[in-house]
PDB file of N, CA and C in Angstrom:
ATOM      1  N   MET A   1    -161.911 249.610 103.959  1.00  0.00           N
ATOM      2  CA  MET A   1    -162.982 248.461 103.808  1.00  0.00           C
ATOM      3  C   MET A   1    -162.380 247.283 103.776  1.00  0.00           C
ATOM      4  N   ALA A   2    -163.165 246.310 104.555  1.00  0.00           N
ATOM      5  CA  ALA A   2    -162.193 244.869 103.857  1.00  0.00           C
ATOM      6  C   ALA A   2    -163.237 244.237 102.814  1.00  0.00           C
ATOM      7  N   GLU A   3    -162.304 243.760 102.491  1.00  0.00           N
ATOM      8  CA  GLU A   3    -162.762 242.951 100.889  1.00  0.00           C
ATOM      9  C   GLU A   3    -163.976 241.912 101.467  1.00  0.00           C
ATOM     10  N   ALA A   4    -164.425 241.274 100.729  1.00  0.00           N
ATOM     11  CA  ALA A   4    -165.527 240.162 100.934  1.00  0.00           C
ATOM     12  C   ALA A   4    -164.764 239.409 100.322  1.00  0.00           C
ATOM     13  N   VAL A   5    -164.428 238.027 101.561  1.00  0.00           N
ATOM     14  CA  VAL A   5    -163.584 236.814 101.642  1.00  0.00           C
ATOM     15  C   VAL A   5    -164.608 235.699 100.272  1.00  0.00           C
ATOM     16  N   LYS A   6    -163.877 235.613  99.199  1.00  0.00           N
ATOM     17  CA  LYS A   6    -164.328 234.703  97.974  1.00  0.00           C
ATOM     18  C   LYS A   6    -164.231 233.226  98.538  1.00  0.00           C
ATOM     19  N   LYS A   7    -165.991 232.829  98.401  1.00  0.00           N
ATOM     20  CA  LYS A   7    -165.577 231.412  98.972  1.00  0.00           C
ATOM     21  C   LYS A   7    -165.369 230.560  97.604  1.00  0.00           C
ATOM     22  N   PRO A   8    -164.528 228.851  97.608  1.00  0.00           N
ATOM     23  CA  PRO A   8    -164.631 228.460  96.572  1.00  0.00           C
ATOM     24  C   PRO A   8    -165.839 228.010  96.353  1.00  0.00           C
ATOM     25  N   ARG A   9    -166.178 228.171  94.890  1.00  0.00           N
ATOM     26  CA  ARG A   9    -167.616 227.732  94.299  1.00  0.00           C
ATOM     27  C   ARG A   9    -167.046 225.838  93.795  1.00  0.00           C
ATOM     28  N   PRO A  10    -168.383 225.762  93.877  1.00  0.00           N
ATOM     29  CA  PRO A  10    -168.761 224.098  93.260  1.00  0.00           C
ATOM     30  C   PRO A  10    -168.498 223.729  92.102  1.00  0.00           C
ATOM     31  N   GLU A  11    -167.458 222.887  91.344  1.00  0.00           N
ATOM     32  CA  GLU A  11    -167.552 222.936  90.018  1.00  0.00           C
ATOM     33  C   GLU A  11    -168.215 221.900  89.276  1.00  0.00           C
ATOM     34  N   PHE A  12    -169.000 222.025  88.457  1.00  0.00           N
ATOM     35  CA  PHE A  12    -170.396 221.335  88.253  1.00  0.00           C
ATOM     36  C   PHE A  12    -169.572 220.965  86.562  1.00  0.00           C
ATOM     37  N   ARG A  13    -169.453 219.857  86.157  1.00  0.00           N
ATOM     38  CA  ARG A  13    -169.266 219.261  85.335  1.00  0.00           C
ATOM     39  C   ARG A  13    -170.501 218.591  84.391  1.00  0.00           C
ATOM     40  N   ASN A  14    -170.509 218.588  83.055  1.00  0.00           N
ATOM     41  CA  ASN A  14    -171.939 218.025  82.267  1.00  0.00           C
ATOM     42  C   ASN A  14    -171.504 216.466  82.745  1.00  0.00           C
ATOM     43  N   ILE A  15    -172.581 215.866  82.641  1.00  0.00           N
ATOM     44  CA  ILE A  15    -172.648 214.409  82.546  1.00  0.00           C
ATOM     45  C   ILE A  15    -172.041 213.639  81.698  1.00  0.00           C
ATOM     46  N   GLY A  16    -171.514 212.297  81.474  1.00  0.00           N
ATOM     47  CA  GLY A  16    -171.454 211.718  81.200  1.00  0.00           C
ATOM     48  C   GLY A  16    -172.393 210.639  80.215  1.00  0.00           C
ATOM     49  N   ILE A  17    -172.246 209.936  78.832  1.00  0.00           N
ATOM     50  CA  ILE A  17    -173.053 209.050  79.190  1.00  0.00           C
ATOM     51  C   ILE A  17    -173.135 207.523  79.876  1.00  0.00           C
ATOM     52  N   GLY A  18    -172.025 207.204  80.324  1.00  0.00           N
ATOM     53  CA  GLY A  18    -171.923 206.469  80.936  1.00  0.00           C
ATOM     54  C   GLY A  18    -172.498 206.861  82.591  1.00  0.00           C
ATOM     55  N   GLN A  19    -172.257 207.735  83.291  1.00  0.00           N
ATOM     56  CA  GLN A  19    -172.795 208.459  84.454  1.00  0.00           C
ATOM     57  C   GLN A  19    -174.102 208.092  84.219  1.00  0.00           C
ATOM     58  N   LEU A  20    -175.283 208.331  83.144  1.00  0.00           N
ATOM     59  CA  LEU A  20    -176.523 208.701  83.211  1.00  0.00           C
ATOM     60  C   LEU A  20    -177.193 207.505  83.799  1.00  0.00           C
ATOM     61  N   ALA A  21    -176.845 206.091  83.238  1.00  0.00           N
ATOM     62  CA  ALA A  21    -177.365 205.004  83.633  1.00  0.00           C
ATOM     63  C   ALA A  21    -177.189 204.583  85.335  1.00  0.00           C
ATOM     64  N   LYS A  22    -175.754 204.986  85.822  1.00  0.00           N
ATOM     65  CA  LYS A  22    -176.053 205.276  87.453  1.00  0.00           C
ATOM     66  C   LYS A  22    -176.847 206.189  87.849  1.00  0.00           C
ATOM     67  N   TYR A  23    -177.244 207.476  87.288  1.00  0.00           N
ATOM     68  CA  TYR A  23    -177.595 208.650  87.601  1.00  0.00           C
ATOM     69  C   TYR A  23    -178.927 208.245  88.395  1.00  0.00           C
ATOM     70  N   ARG A  24    -179.273 208.719  89.770  1.00  0.00           N
ATOM     71  CA  ARG A  24    -180.657 207.725  90.602  1.00  0.00           C
ATOM     72  C   ARG A  24    -181.773 208.938  90.446  1.00  0.00           C
ATOM     73  N   LEU A  25    -182.958 208.817  89.677  1.00  0.00           N
ATOM     74  CA  LEU A  25    -183.495 210.090  89.439  1.00  0.00           C
ATOM     75  C   LEU A  25    -185.130 209.416  90.528  1.00  0.00           C
ATOM     76  N   PRO A  26    -185.608 210.707  91.275  1.00  0.00           N
ATOM     77  CA  PRO A  26    -186.587 210.334  91.641  1.00  0.00           C
ATOM     78  C   PRO A  26    -187.783 209.699  90.782  1.00  0.00           C
ATOM     79  N   LEU A  27    -189.341 208.923  91.231  1.00  0.00           N
ATOM     80  CA  LEU A  27    -189.994 208.473  90.979  1.00  0.00           C
ATOM     81  C   LEU A  27    -190.451 209.618  90.068  1.00  0.00           C
ATOM     82  N   ALA A  28    -190.552 210.642  90.343  1.00  0.00           N
ATOM     83  CA  ALA A  28    -191.477 211.717  89.475  1.00  0.00           C
ATOM     84  C   ALA A  28    -190.341 212.306  88.535  1.00  0.00           C
ATOM     85  N   GLY A  29    -189.470 211.813  88.559  1.00  0.00           N
ATOM     86  CA  GLY A  29    -188.354 212.265  87.361  1.00  0.00           C
ATOM     87  C   GLY A  29    -188.440 211.329  86.289  1.00  0.00           C
ATOM     88  N   LYS A  30    -188.349 209.860  86.234  1.00  0.00           N
ATOM     89  CA  LYS A  30    -188.804 208.847  85.725  1.00  0.00           C
ATOM     90  C   LYS A  30    -189.775 209.183  84.801  1.00  0.00           C
ATOM     91  N   VAL A  31    -190.739 209.513  85.860  1.00  0.00           N
ATOM     92  CA  VAL A  31    -192.250 210.276  85.102  1.00  0.00           C
ATOM     93  C   VAL A  31    -192.468 211.043  83.878  1.00  0.00           C
ATOM     94  N   SER A  32    -191.685 212.035  84.451  1.00  0.00           N
ATOM     95  CA  SER A  32    -191.455 213.106  83.530  1.00  0.00           C
ATOM     96  C   SER A  32    -190.940 212.597  82.261  1.00  0.00           C
ATOM     97  N   ILE A  33    -189.951 212.204  82.357  1.00  0.00           N
ATOM     98  CA  ILE A  33    -189.113 211.710  81.114  1.00  0.00           C
ATOM     99  C   ILE A  33    -189.798 210.804  80.341  1.00  0.00           C
ATOM    100  N   LEU A  34    -190.589 209.634  80.673  1.00  0.00           N
ATOM    101  CA  LEU A  34    -191.161 208.686  80.396  1.00  0.00           C
ATOM    102  C   LEU A  34    -192.415 209.824  79.317  1.00  0.00           C
ATOM    103  N   HIS A  35    -192.904 210.838  80.452  1.00  0.00           N
ATOM    104  CA  HIS A  35    -194.231 211.454  79.693  1.00  0.00           C
ATOM    105  C   HIS A  35    -193.672 212.248  78.507  1.00  0.00           C
ATOM    106  N   ARG A  36    -192.402 212.813  78.367  1.00  0.00           N
ATOM    107  CA  ARG A  36    -192.190 213.644  77.166  1.00  0.00           C
ATOM    108  C   ARG A  36    -191.586 212.479  76.162  1.00  0.00           C
ATOM    109  N   VAL A  37    -191.013 211.663  76.428  1.00  0.00           N
ATOM    110  CA  VAL A  37    -190.862 210.753  75.314  1.00  0.00           C
ATOM    111  C   VAL A  37    -192.410 210.069  74.759  1.00  0.00           C
ATOM    112  N   SER A  38    -193.136 209.729  75.420  1.00  0.00           N
ATOM    113  CA  SER A  38    -194.438 209.347  74.703  1.00  0.00           C
ATOM    114  C   SER A  38    -195.182 210.246  74.134  1.00  0.00           C
ATOM    115  N   GLY A  39    -194.961 211.581  74.460  1.00  0.00           N
ATOM    116  CA  GLY A  39    -195.333 212.784  73.697  1.00  0.00           C
ATOM    117  C   GLY A  39    -194.645 212.575  72.649  1.00  0.00           C
ATOM    118  N   LEU A  40    -193.367 212.586  72.247  1.00  0.00           N
ATOM    119  CA  LEU A  40    -192.648 212.803  71.180  1.00  0.00           C
ATOM    120  C   LEU A  40    -192.884 211.582  70.300  1.00  0.00           C
ATOM    121  N   LEU A  41    -193.379 210.168  71.027  1.00  0.00           N
ATOM    122  CA  LEU A  41    -193.858 208.993  69.832  1.00  0.00           C
ATOM    123  C   LEU A  41    -195.088 209.466  69.134  1.00  0.00           C
ATOM    124  N   LEU A  42    -195.814 209.877  70.229  1.00  0.00           N
ATOM    125  CA  LEU A  42    -197.626 210.028  69.761  1.00  0.00           C
ATOM    126  C   LEU A  42    -197.074 211.421  68.323  1.00  0.00           C
ATOM    127  N   PHE A  43    -196.493 212.327  68.452  1.00  0.00           N
ATOM    128  CA  PHE A  43    -195.848 213.734  67.357  1.00  0.00           C
ATOM    129  C   PHE A  43    -195.635 212.779  66.511  1.00  0.00           C
ATOM    130  N   VAL A  44    -194.460 212.300  66.296  1.00  0.00           N
ATOM    131  CA  VAL A  44    -193.757 211.437  64.940  1.00  0.00           C
ATOM    132  C   VAL A  44    -194.919 210.276  64.550  1.00  0.00           C
ATOM    133  N   CYS A  45    -195.568 209.885  65.423  1.00  0.00           N
ATOM    134  CA  CYS A  45    -196.688 208.708  64.673  1.00  0.00           C
ATOM    135  C   CYS A  45    -197.399 209.364  63.889  1.00  0.00           C
ATOM    136  N   LEU A  46    -198.009 211.026  64.136  1.00  0.00           N
ATOM    137  CA  LEU A  46    -199.006 211.134  63.283  1.00  0.00           C
ATOM    138  C   LEU A  46    -198.784 211.859  61.916  1.00  0.00           C
TER     139      LEU A  46
END
């Protein structure tokens, strides 16, 4: 039997703080983050 050829897997690394500012999110992603932050602020203010 022939063995399956393993393809090199893409290497994913964690994003740094400096890269977060340059990372482009779609509008839905930005709205989602703002929704979470506003919920956290409401919880803290209670």
